[in-house]
Amino acid sequence: MSKRTHGKGWSFTPAESPQSAAQETLPPEKHRIKINLEKRRKGKIVTLIGNLALSKPDLKDLAKALKTACGTGGTAQNDVVELQGDHRDRARTWLSNNGWGVK
């Protein structure tokens, strides 16, 4: 968030706390990832890939790899990767082939 400084203009203050940036990342084989399907308003379907213990950069890298593998859009937020559409089978196959523990 931005905040006003005394006579020096605007400065950028990150909203993240230092503790969240230092979150420990578990190795892929120790994860037990859960893959769910959620129906949003207007009938939109979203594949949720959760139960991830990853730092923010690692979560974004995983989301990018999954989006590329599934050929779809999506996002990574709140320790969950969201993929647009029903991609449970493709995501499960890709995660299993790359050494991730899938539940």
PDB file of N, CA and C in Angstrom:
ATOM      1  N   MET A   1       0.835  -1.169   0.000  1.00  0.00           N
ATOM      2  CA  MET A   1       0.000   0.000   0.000  1.00  0.00           C
ATOM      3  C   MET A   1       0.884   1.237   0.000  1.00  0.00           C
ATOM      4  N   SER A   2       0.354   2.299  -0.507  1.00  0.00           N
ATOM      5  CA  SER A   2       1.079   3.554  -0.510  1.00  0.00           C
ATOM      6  C   SER A   2       0.661   4.373   0.696  1.00  0.00           C
ATOM      7  N   LYS A   3       1.580   5.143   1.197  1.00  0.00           N
ATOM      8  CA  LYS A   3       1.232   6.026   2.292  1.00  0.00           C
ATOM      9  C   LYS A   3       1.913   7.366   2.080  1.00  0.00           C
ATOM     10  N   ARG A   4       1.358   8.362   2.666  1.00  0.00           N
ATOM     11  CA  ARG A   4       1.869   9.718   2.506  1.00  0.00           C
ATOM     12  C   ARG A   4       3.035   9.947   3.460  1.00  0.00           C
ATOM     13  N   THR A   5       4.147  10.440   2.937  1.00  0.00           N
ATOM     14  CA  THR A   5       5.275  10.803   3.784  1.00  0.00           C
ATOM     15  C   THR A   5       5.222  12.306   4.026  1.00  0.00           C
ATOM     16  N   HIS A   6       5.944  12.796   4.957  1.00  0.00           N
ATOM     17  CA  HIS A   6       5.898  14.201   5.337  1.00  0.00           C
ATOM     18  C   HIS A   6       6.689  15.062   4.362  1.00  0.00           C
ATOM     19  N   GLY A   7       5.984  15.607   3.342  1.00  0.00           N
ATOM     20  CA  GLY A   7       6.591  16.532   2.413  1.00  0.00           C
ATOM     21  C   GLY A   7       7.502  15.890   1.382  1.00  0.00           C
ATOM     22  N   LYS A   8       7.606  14.591   1.324  1.00  0.00           N
ATOM     23  CA  LYS A   8       8.515  13.932   0.386  1.00  0.00           C
ATOM     24  C   LYS A   8       7.782  13.183  -0.712  1.00  0.00           C
ATOM     25  N   GLY A   9       6.480  13.391  -0.849  1.00  0.00           N
ATOM     26  CA  GLY A   9       5.719  12.698  -1.875  1.00  0.00           C
ATOM     27  C   GLY A   9       5.255  11.332  -1.397  1.00  0.00           C
ATOM     28  N   TRP A  10       4.991  10.464  -2.344  1.00  0.00           N
ATOM     29  CA  TRP A  10       4.486   9.123  -2.028  1.00  0.00           C
ATOM     30  C   TRP A  10       5.628   8.133  -1.976  1.00  0.00           C
ATOM     31  N   SER A  11       5.504   7.163  -1.096  1.00  0.00           N
ATOM     32  CA  SER A  11       6.483   6.078  -1.041  1.00  0.00           C
ATOM     33  C   SER A  11       5.736   4.767  -1.038  1.00  0.00           C
ATOM     34  N   PHE A  12       6.379   3.744  -1.519  1.00  0.00           N
ATOM     35  CA  PHE A  12       5.753   2.426  -1.582  1.00  0.00           C
ATOM     36  C   PHE A  12       6.111   1.630  -0.341  1.00  0.00           C
ATOM     37  N   THR A  13       5.080   1.106   0.325  1.00  0.00           N
ATOM     38  CA  THR A  13       5.265   0.244   1.484  1.00  0.00           C
ATOM     39  C   THR A  13       4.628  -1.100   1.152  1.00  0.00           C
ATOM     40  N   PRO A  14       5.387  -2.195   1.124  1.00  0.00           N
ATOM     41  CA  PRO A  14       4.802  -3.489   0.765  1.00  0.00           C
ATOM     42  C   PRO A  14       3.771  -3.940   1.787  1.00  0.00           C
ATOM     43  N   ALA A  15       2.705  -4.559   1.306  1.00  0.00           N
ATOM     44  CA  ALA A  15       1.635  -5.038   2.173  1.00  0.00           C
ATOM     45  C   ALA A  15       2.004  -6.349   2.851  1.00  0.00           C
ATOM     46  N   GLU A  16       2.989  -7.052   2.292  1.00  0.00           N
ATOM     47  CA  GLU A  16       3.390  -8.340   2.858  1.00  0.00           C
ATOM     48  C   GLU A  16       4.225  -8.126   4.114  1.00  0.00           C
ATOM     49  N   SER A  17       4.062  -9.032   5.040  1.00  0.00           N
ATOM     50  CA  SER A  17       4.915  -8.991   6.213  1.00  0.00           C
ATOM     51  C   SER A  17       6.181  -9.785   5.920  1.00  0.00           C
ATOM     52  N   PRO A  18       7.291  -9.506   6.593  1.00  0.00           N
ATOM     53  CA  PRO A  18       8.529 -10.253   6.345  1.00  0.00           C
ATOM     54  C   PRO A  18       8.389 -11.739   6.642  1.00  0.00           C
ATOM     55  N   GLN A  19       7.474 -12.117   7.518  1.00  0.00           N
ATOM     56  CA  GLN A  19       7.299 -13.523   7.866  1.00  0.00           C
ATOM     57  C   GLN A  19       6.691 -14.302   6.715  1.00  0.00           C
ATOM     58  N   SER A  20       5.762 -13.700   5.961  1.00  0.00           N
ATOM     59  CA  SER A  20       5.125 -14.423   4.860  1.00  0.00           C
ATOM     60  C   SER A  20       6.106 -14.668   3.717  1.00  0.00           C
ATOM     61  N   ALA A  21       7.078 -13.773   3.538  1.00  0.00           N
ATOM     62  CA  ALA A  21       8.064 -13.956   2.476  1.00  0.00           C
ATOM     63  C   ALA A  21       9.046 -15.072   2.819  1.00  0.00           C
ATOM     64  N   ALA A  22       9.207 -15.357   4.095  1.00  0.00           N
ATOM     65  CA  ALA A  22      10.165 -16.365   4.533  1.00  0.00           C
ATOM     66  C   ALA A  22       9.520 -17.735   4.745  1.00  0.00           C
ATOM     67  N   GLN A  23       8.334 -17.954   4.184  1.00  0.00           N
ATOM     68  CA  GLN A  23       7.642 -19.220   4.349  1.00  0.00           C
ATOM     69  C   GLN A  23       8.485 -20.344   3.757  1.00  0.00           C
ATOM     70  N   GLU A  24       8.577 -21.422   4.486  1.00  0.00           N
ATOM     71  CA  GLU A  24       9.406 -22.536   4.059  1.00  0.00           C
ATOM     72  C   GLU A  24       8.693 -23.349   2.988  1.00  0.00           C
ATOM     73  N   THR A  25       9.437 -23.758   1.975  1.00  0.00           N
ATOM     74  CA  THR A  25       8.900 -24.559   0.890  1.00  0.00           C
ATOM     75  C   THR A  25       9.271 -26.020   1.110  1.00  0.00           C
ATOM     76  N   LEU A  26       8.256 -26.885   1.076  1.00  0.00           N
ATOM     77  CA  LEU A  26       8.489 -28.320   1.199  1.00  0.00           C
ATOM     78  C   LEU A  26       8.877 -28.892  -0.164  1.00  0.00           C
ATOM     79  N   PRO A  27       9.643 -29.992  -0.179  1.00  0.00           N
ATOM     80  CA  PRO A  27       9.938 -30.646  -1.458  1.00  0.00           C
ATOM     81  C   PRO A  27       8.653 -31.199  -2.095  1.00  0.00           C
ATOM     82  N   PRO A  28       8.606 -31.305  -3.409  1.00  0.00           N
ATOM     83  CA  PRO A  28       7.383 -31.747  -4.091  1.00  0.00           C
ATOM     84  C   PRO A  28       6.850 -33.097  -3.620  1.00  0.00           C
ATOM     85  N   GLU A  29       7.728 -34.043  -3.338  1.00  0.00           N
ATOM     86  CA  GLU A  29       7.255 -35.379  -2.966  1.00  0.00           C
ATOM     87  C   GLU A  29       6.611 -35.423  -1.579  1.00  0.00           C
ATOM     88  N   LYS A  30       6.812 -34.405  -0.744  1.00  0.00           N
ATOM     89  CA  LYS A  30       6.220 -34.383   0.595  1.00  0.00           C
ATOM     90  C   LYS A  30       4.851 -33.718   0.630  1.00  0.00           C
ATOM     91  N   HIS A  31       4.416 -33.149  -0.486  1.00  0.00           N
ATOM     92  CA  HIS A  31       3.105 -32.512  -0.549  1.00  0.00           C
ATOM     93  C   HIS A  31       2.015 -33.564  -0.726  1.00  0.00           C
ATOM     94  N   ARG A  32       0.855 -33.271  -0.230  1.00  0.00           N
ATOM     95  CA  ARG A  32      -0.345 -34.060  -0.486  1.00  0.00           C
ATOM     96  C   ARG A  32      -1.389 -33.086  -1.033  1.00  0.00           C
ATOM     97  N   ILE A  33      -1.267 -32.819  -2.318  1.00  0.00           N
ATOM     98  CA  ILE A  33      -2.072 -31.797  -2.976  1.00  0.00           C
ATOM     99  C   ILE A  33      -3.502 -32.291  -3.161  1.00  0.00           C
ATOM    100  N   LYS A  34      -4.462 -31.383  -2.907  1.00  0.00           N
ATOM    101  CA  LYS A  34      -5.878 -31.675  -3.124  1.00  0.00           C
ATOM    102  C   LYS A  34      -6.346 -30.909  -4.353  1.00  0.00           C
ATOM    103  N   ILE A  35      -7.057 -31.610  -5.236  1.00  0.00           N
ATOM    104  CA  ILE A  35      -7.581 -30.990  -6.452  1.00  0.00           C
ATOM    105  C   ILE A  35      -9.101 -31.021  -6.379  1.00  0.00           C
ATOM    106  N   ASN A  36      -9.715 -29.838  -6.418  1.00  0.00           N
ATOM    107  CA  ASN A  36     -11.163 -29.710  -6.298  1.00  0.00           C
ATOM    108  C   ASN A  36     -11.725 -28.933  -7.477  1.00  0.00           C
ATOM    109  N   LEU A  37     -13.017 -29.048  -7.652  1.00  0.00           N
ATOM    110  CA  LEU A  37     -13.730 -28.310  -8.687  1.00  0.00           C
ATOM    111  C   LEU A  37     -14.728 -27.394  -7.993  1.00  0.00           C
ATOM    112  N   GLU A  38     -14.809 -26.159  -8.449  1.00  0.00           N
ATOM    113  CA  GLU A  38     -15.728 -25.197  -7.844  1.00  0.00           C
ATOM    114  C   GLU A  38     -16.523 -24.524  -8.948  1.00  0.00           C
ATOM    115  N   LYS A  39     -17.820 -24.374  -8.718  1.00  0.00           N
ATOM    116  CA  LYS A  39     -18.674 -23.703  -9.679  1.00  0.00           C
ATOM    117  C   LYS A  39     -18.926 -22.291  -9.166  1.00  0.00           C
ATOM    118  N   ARG A  40     -18.563 -21.326  -9.967  1.00  0.00           N
ATOM    119  CA  ARG A  40     -18.698 -19.917  -9.587  1.00  0.00           C
ATOM    120  C   ARG A  40     -19.961 -19.337 -10.203  1.00  0.00           C
ATOM    121  N   ARG A  41     -20.190 -18.065  -9.948  1.00  0.00           N
ATOM    122  CA  ARG A  41     -21.390 -17.421 -10.482  1.00  0.00           C
ATOM    123  C   ARG A  41     -21.367 -17.422 -12.011  1.00  0.00           C
ATOM    124  N   LYS A  42     -22.515 -17.374 -12.578  1.00  0.00           N
ATOM    125  CA  LYS A  42     -22.726 -17.436 -14.025  1.00  0.00           C
ATOM    126  C   LYS A  42     -22.250 -18.755 -14.620  1.00  0.00           C
ATOM    127  N   GLY A  43     -22.165 -19.812 -13.794  1.00  0.00           N
ATOM    128  CA  GLY A  43     -21.849 -21.141 -14.285  1.00  0.00           C
ATOM    129  C   GLY A  43     -20.403 -21.401 -14.620  1.00  0.00           C
ATOM    130  N   LYS A  44     -19.503 -20.511 -14.218  1.00  0.00           N
ATOM    131  CA  LYS A  44     -18.081 -20.700 -14.507  1.00  0.00           C
ATOM    132  C   LYS A  44     -17.506 -21.786 -13.599  1.00  0.00           C
ATOM    133  N   ILE A  45     -16.684 -22.660 -14.179  1.00  0.00           N
ATOM    134  CA  ILE A  45     -16.075 -23.753 -13.426  1.00  0.00           C
ATOM    135  C   ILE A  45     -14.593 -23.449 -13.249  1.00  0.00           C
ATOM    136  N   VAL A  46     -14.091 -23.681 -12.032  1.00  0.00           N
ATOM    137  CA  VAL A  46     -12.698 -23.414 -11.698  1.00  0.00           C
ATOM    138  C   VAL A  46     -12.115 -24.649 -11.026  1.00  0.00           C
ATOM    139  N   THR A  47     -10.914 -25.057 -11.442  1.00  0.00           N
ATOM    140  CA  THR A  47     -10.188 -26.142 -10.793  1.00  0.00           C
ATOM    141  C   THR A  47      -9.279 -25.532  -9.734  1.00  0.00           C
ATOM    142  N   LEU A  48      -9.428 -25.981  -8.492  1.00  0.00           N
ATOM    143  CA  LEU A  48      -8.633 -25.479  -7.381  1.00  0.00           C
ATOM    144  C   LEU A  48      -7.594 -26.517  -6.988  1.00  0.00           C
ATOM    145  N   ILE A  49      -6.342 -26.107  -6.913  1.00  0.00           N
ATOM    146  CA  ILE A  49      -5.251 -26.987  -6.507  1.00  0.00           C
ATOM    147  C   ILE A  49      -4.698 -26.406  -5.218  1.00  0.00           C
ATOM    148  N   GLY A  50      -4.989 -27.079  -4.106  1.00  0.00           N
ATOM    149  CA  GLY A  50      -4.648 -26.523  -2.802  1.00  0.00           C
ATOM    150  C   GLY A  50      -3.805 -27.446  -1.957  1.00  0.00           C
ATOM    151  N   ASN A  51      -3.685 -27.076  -0.681  1.00  0.00           N
ATOM    152  CA  ASN A  51      -2.885 -27.792   0.312  1.00  0.00           C
ATOM    153  C   ASN A  51      -1.407 -27.712  -0.075  1.00  0.00           C
ATOM    154  N   LEU A  52      -0.984 -26.516  -0.494  1.00  0.00           N
ATOM    155  CA  LEU A  52       0.387 -26.295  -0.936  1.00  0.00           C
ATOM    156  C   LEU A  52       1.161 -25.520   0.126  1.00  0.00           C
ATOM    157  N   ALA A  53       2.336 -25.987   0.465  1.00  0.00           N
ATOM    158  CA  ALA A  53       3.225 -25.290   1.396  1.00  0.00           C
ATOM    159  C   ALA A  53       4.400 -24.750   0.596  1.00  0.00           C
ATOM    160  N   LEU A  54       4.137 -23.662  -0.141  1.00  0.00           N
ATOM    161  CA  LEU A  54       5.141 -23.079  -1.023  1.00  0.00           C
ATOM    162  C   LEU A  54       5.284 -21.587  -0.731  1.00  0.00           C
ATOM    163  N   SER A  55       6.465 -21.057  -1.014  1.00  0.00           N
ATOM    164  CA  SER A  55       6.653 -19.612  -0.928  1.00  0.00           C
ATOM    165  C   SER A  55       5.949 -18.978  -2.133  1.00  0.00           C
ATOM    166  N   LYS A  56       5.741 -17.679  -2.081  1.00  0.00           N
ATOM    167  CA  LYS A  56       5.019 -17.002  -3.166  1.00  0.00           C
ATOM    168  C   LYS A  56       5.682 -17.176  -4.531  1.00  0.00           C
ATOM    169  N   PRO A  57       7.004 -17.006  -4.643  1.00  0.00           N
ATOM    170  CA  PRO A  57       7.613 -17.208  -5.973  1.00  0.00           C
ATOM    171  C   PRO A  57       7.462 -18.644  -6.478  1.00  0.00           C
ATOM    172  N   ASP A  58       7.597 -19.628  -5.582  1.00  0.00           N
ATOM    173  CA  ASP A  58       7.436 -21.020  -5.993  1.00  0.00           C
ATOM    174  C   ASP A  58       5.992 -21.310  -6.393  1.00  0.00           C
ATOM    175  N   LEU A  59       5.030 -20.711  -5.676  1.00  0.00           N
ATOM    176  CA  LEU A  59       3.614 -20.898  -6.001  1.00  0.00           C
ATOM    177  C   LEU A  59       3.314 -20.316  -7.381  1.00  0.00           C
ATOM    178  N   LYS A  60       3.874 -19.150  -7.671  1.00  0.00           N
ATOM    179  CA  LYS A  60       3.653 -18.539  -8.985  1.00  0.00           C
ATOM    180  C   LYS A  60       4.296 -19.361 -10.097  1.00  0.00           C
ATOM    181  N   ASP A  61       5.469 -19.934  -9.839  1.00  0.00           N
ATOM    182  CA  ASP A  61       6.128 -20.785 -10.830  1.00  0.00           C
ATOM    183  C   ASP A  61       5.310 -22.046 -11.104  1.00  0.00           C
ATOM    184  N   LEU A  62       4.773 -22.645 -10.041  1.00  0.00           N
ATOM    185  CA  LEU A  62       3.930 -23.837 -10.205  1.00  0.00           C
ATOM    186  C   LEU A  62       2.672 -23.491 -10.982  1.00  0.00           C
ATOM    187  N   ALA A  63       2.053 -22.353 -10.672  1.00  0.00           N
ATOM    188  CA  ALA A  63       0.844 -21.939 -11.386  1.00  0.00           C
ATOM    189  C   ALA A  63       1.132 -21.731 -12.871  1.00  0.00           C
ATOM    190  N   LYS A  64       2.258 -21.121 -13.174  1.00  0.00           N
ATOM    191  CA  LYS A  64       2.612 -20.886 -14.573  1.00  0.00           C
ATOM    192  C   LYS A  64       2.820 -22.206 -15.309  1.00  0.00           C
ATOM    193  N   ALA A  65       3.496 -23.147 -14.665  1.00  0.00           N
ATOM    194  CA  ALA A  65       3.727 -24.449 -15.295  1.00  0.00           C
ATOM    195  C   ALA A  65       2.415 -25.201 -15.514  1.00  0.00           C
ATOM    196  N   LEU A  66       1.522 -25.151 -14.534  1.00  0.00           N
ATOM    197  CA  LEU A  66       0.227 -25.831 -14.675  1.00  0.00           C
ATOM    198  C   LEU A  66      -0.634 -25.177 -15.750  1.00  0.00           C
ATOM    199  N   LYS A  67      -0.628 -23.862 -15.817  1.00  0.00           N
ATOM    200  CA  LYS A  67      -1.408 -23.167 -16.837  1.00  0.00           C
ATOM    201  C   LYS A  67      -0.899 -23.531 -18.230  1.00  0.00           C
ATOM    202  N   THR A  68       0.415 -23.633 -18.384  1.00  0.00           N
ATOM    203  CA  THR A  68       0.995 -24.012 -19.669  1.00  0.00           C
ATOM    204  C   THR A  68       0.644 -25.453 -20.020  1.00  0.00           C
ATOM    205  N   ALA A  69       0.747 -26.352 -19.028  1.00  0.00           N
ATOM    206  CA  ALA A  69       0.462 -27.772 -19.265  1.00  0.00           C
ATOM    207  C   ALA A  69      -1.003 -28.002 -19.614  1.00  0.00           C
ATOM    208  N   CYS A  70      -1.897 -27.243 -19.009  1.00  0.00           N
ATOM    209  CA  CYS A  70      -3.331 -27.423 -19.251  1.00  0.00           C
ATOM    210  C   CYS A  70      -3.843 -26.547 -20.393  1.00  0.00           C
ATOM    211  N   GLY A  71      -3.042 -25.583 -20.823  1.00  0.00           N
ATOM    212  CA  GLY A  71      -3.463 -24.710 -21.915  1.00  0.00           C
ATOM    213  C   GLY A  71      -4.624 -23.823 -21.536  1.00  0.00           C
ATOM    214  N   THR A  72      -4.556 -23.228 -20.357  1.00  0.00           N
ATOM    215  CA  THR A  72      -5.654 -22.412 -19.864  1.00  0.00           C
ATOM    216  C   THR A  72      -5.126 -21.246 -19.052  1.00  0.00           C
ATOM    217  N   GLY A  73      -6.003 -20.364 -18.648  1.00  0.00           N
ATOM    218  CA  GLY A  73      -5.644 -19.247 -17.783  1.00  0.00           C
ATOM    219  C   GLY A  73      -5.845 -19.630 -16.337  1.00  0.00           C
ATOM    220  N   GLY A  74      -5.388 -18.781 -15.463  1.00  0.00           N
ATOM    221  CA  GLY A  74      -5.553 -19.041 -14.048  1.00  0.00           C
ATOM    222  C   GLY A  74      -4.775 -18.045 -13.218  1.00  0.00           C
ATOM    223  N   THR A  75      -4.715 -18.326 -11.916  1.00  0.00           N
ATOM    224  CA  THR A  75      -4.024 -17.441 -10.994  1.00  0.00           C
ATOM    225  C   THR A  75      -3.522 -18.229  -9.795  1.00  0.00           C
ATOM    226  N   ALA A  76      -2.636 -17.602  -9.031  1.00  0.00           N
ATOM    227  CA  ALA A  76      -2.136 -18.185  -7.792  1.00  0.00           C
ATOM    228  C   ALA A  76      -2.344 -17.158  -6.692  1.00  0.00           C
ATOM    229  N   GLN A  77      -3.197 -17.491  -5.722  1.00  0.00           N
ATOM    230  CA  GLN A  77      -3.436 -16.589  -4.621  1.00  0.00           C
ATOM    231  C   GLN A  77      -3.887 -17.368  -3.398  1.00  0.00           C
ATOM    232  N   ASN A  78      -3.512 -16.883  -2.228  1.00  0.00           N
ATOM    233  CA  ASN A  78      -3.888 -17.496  -0.947  1.00  0.00           C
ATOM    234  C   ASN A  78      -3.489 -18.966  -0.867  1.00  0.00           C
ATOM    235  N   ASP A  79      -2.287 -19.313  -1.325  1.00  0.00           N
ATOM    236  CA  ASP A  79      -1.761 -20.677  -1.297  1.00  0.00           C
ATOM    237  C   ASP A  79      -2.607 -21.665  -2.084  1.00  0.00           C
ATOM    238  N   VAL A  80      -3.324 -21.175  -3.085  1.00  0.00           N
ATOM    239  CA  VAL A  80      -4.152 -22.019  -3.952  1.00  0.00           C
ATOM    240  C   VAL A  80      -3.901 -21.609  -5.394  1.00  0.00           C
ATOM    241  N   VAL A  81      -3.784 -22.601  -6.281  1.00  0.00           N
ATOM    242  CA  VAL A  81      -3.688 -22.335  -7.717  1.00  0.00           C
ATOM    243  C   VAL A  81      -5.065 -22.558  -8.307  1.00  0.00           C
ATOM    244  N   GLU A  82      -5.567 -21.558  -9.035  1.00  0.00           N
ATOM    245  CA  GLU A  82      -6.874 -21.648  -9.682  1.00  0.00           C
ATOM    246  C   GLU A  82      -6.670 -21.730 -11.185  1.00  0.00           C
ATOM    247  N   LEU A  83      -7.288 -22.732 -11.807  1.00  0.00           N
ATOM    248  CA  LEU A  83      -7.241 -22.885 -13.256  1.00  0.00           C
ATOM    249  C   LEU A  83      -8.648 -22.713 -13.805  1.00  0.00           C
ATOM    250  N   GLN A  84      -8.795 -21.985 -14.888  1.00  0.00           N
ATOM    251  CA  GLN A  84     -10.103 -21.762 -15.481  1.00  0.00           C
ATOM    252  C   GLN A  84     -10.551 -23.008 -16.219  1.00  0.00           C
ATOM    253  N   GLY A  85     -11.692 -23.549 -15.824  1.00  0.00           N
ATOM    254  CA  GLY A  85     -12.238 -24.734 -16.470  1.00  0.00           C
ATOM    255  C   GLY A  85     -11.981 -25.990 -15.654  1.00  0.00           C
ATOM    256  N   ASP A  86     -12.468 -27.121 -16.176  1.00  0.00           N
ATOM    257  CA  ASP A  86     -12.314 -28.415 -15.500  1.00  0.00           C
ATOM    258  C   ASP A  86     -11.049 -29.097 -16.030  1.00  0.00           C
ATOM    259  N   HIS A  87      -9.962 -29.001 -15.266  1.00  0.00           N
ATOM    260  CA  HIS A  87      -8.678 -29.573 -15.667  1.00  0.00           C
ATOM    261  C   HIS A  87      -8.139 -30.507 -14.589  1.00  0.00           C
ATOM    262  N   ARG A  88      -9.021 -31.178 -13.890  1.00  0.00           N
ATOM    263  CA  ARG A  88      -8.586 -32.062 -12.799  1.00  0.00           C
ATOM    264  C   ARG A  88      -7.690 -33.184 -13.301  1.00  0.00           C
ATOM    265  N   ASP A  89      -8.086 -33.837 -14.393  1.00  0.00           N
ATOM    266  CA  ASP A  89      -7.311 -34.971 -14.896  1.00  0.00           C
ATOM    267  C   ASP A  89      -5.942 -34.539 -15.431  1.00  0.00           C
ATOM    268  N   ARG A  90      -5.908 -33.469 -16.214  1.00  0.00           N
ATOM    269  CA  ARG A  90      -4.639 -32.985 -16.756  1.00  0.00           C
ATOM    270  C   ARG A  90      -3.698 -32.526 -15.641  1.00  0.00           C
ATOM    271  N   ALA A  91      -4.250 -31.801 -14.664  1.00  0.00           N
ATOM    272  CA  ALA A  91      -3.419 -31.303 -13.561  1.00  0.00           C
ATOM    273  C   ALA A  91      -2.889 -32.464 -12.722  1.00  0.00           C
ATOM    274  N   ARG A  92      -3.750 -33.449 -12.434  1.00  0.00           N
ATOM    275  CA  ARG A  92      -3.328 -34.608 -11.643  1.00  0.00           C
ATOM    276  C   ARG A  92      -2.221 -35.379 -12.369  1.00  0.00           C
ATOM    277  N   THR A  93      -2.377 -35.591 -13.661  1.00  0.00           N
ATOM    278  CA  THR A  93      -1.375 -36.302 -14.451  1.00  0.00           C
ATOM    279  C   THR A  93      -0.053 -35.542 -14.473  1.00  0.00           C
ATOM    280  N   TRP A  94      -0.124 -34.225 -14.718  1.00  0.00           N
ATOM    281  CA  TRP A  94       1.093 -33.427 -14.778  1.00  0.00           C
ATOM    282  C   TRP A  94       1.810 -33.406 -13.430  1.00  0.00           C
ATOM    283  N   LEU A  95       1.061 -33.233 -12.353  1.00  0.00           N
ATOM    284  CA  LEU A  95       1.668 -33.205 -11.022  1.00  0.00           C
ATOM    285  C   LEU A  95       2.308 -34.545 -10.676  1.00  0.00           C
ATOM    286  N   SER A  96       1.635 -35.629 -10.984  1.00  0.00           N
ATOM    287  CA  SER A  96       2.171 -36.962 -10.696  1.00  0.00           C
ATOM    288  C   SER A  96       3.445 -37.237 -11.504  1.00  0.00           C
ATOM    289  N   ASN A  97       3.435 -36.858 -12.777  1.00  0.00           N
ATOM    290  CA  ASN A  97       4.598 -37.081 -13.638  1.00  0.00           C
ATOM    291  C   ASN A  97       5.806 -36.253 -13.218  1.00  0.00           C
ATOM    292  N   ASN A  98       5.573 -35.147 -12.537  1.00  0.00           N
ATOM    293  CA  ASN A  98       6.662 -34.263 -12.125  1.00  0.00           C
ATOM    294  C   ASN A  98       7.025 -34.424 -10.655  1.00  0.00           C
ATOM    295  N   GLY A  99       6.584 -35.505 -10.029  1.00  0.00           N
ATOM    296  CA  GLY A  99       7.042 -35.832  -8.690  1.00  0.00           C
ATOM    297  C   GLY A  99       6.278 -35.223  -7.539  1.00  0.00           C
ATOM    298  N   TRP A 100       5.135 -34.606  -7.793  1.00  0.00           N
ATOM    299  CA  TRP A 100       4.330 -34.025  -6.723  1.00  0.00           C
ATOM    300  C   TRP A 100       3.428 -35.090  -6.123  1.00  0.00           C
ATOM    301  N   GLY A 101       3.220 -35.042  -4.828  1.00  0.00           N
ATOM    302  CA  GLY A 101       2.302 -35.970  -4.159  1.00  0.00           C
ATOM    303  C   GLY A 101       0.882 -35.487  -4.285  1.00  0.00           C
ATOM    304  N   VAL A 102       0.037 -36.253  -4.970  1.00  0.00           N
ATOM    305  CA  VAL A 102      -1.354 -35.869  -5.213  1.00  0.00           C
ATOM    306  C   VAL A 102      -2.266 -36.786  -4.424  1.00  0.00           C
ATOM    307  N   LYS A 103      -3.251 -36.199  -3.778  1.00  0.00           N
ATOM    308  CA  LYS A 103      -4.219 -36.964  -2.986  1.00  0.00           C
ATOM    309  C   LYS A 103      -5.448 -37.261  -3.802  1.00  0.00           C
TER     310      LYS A 103
END
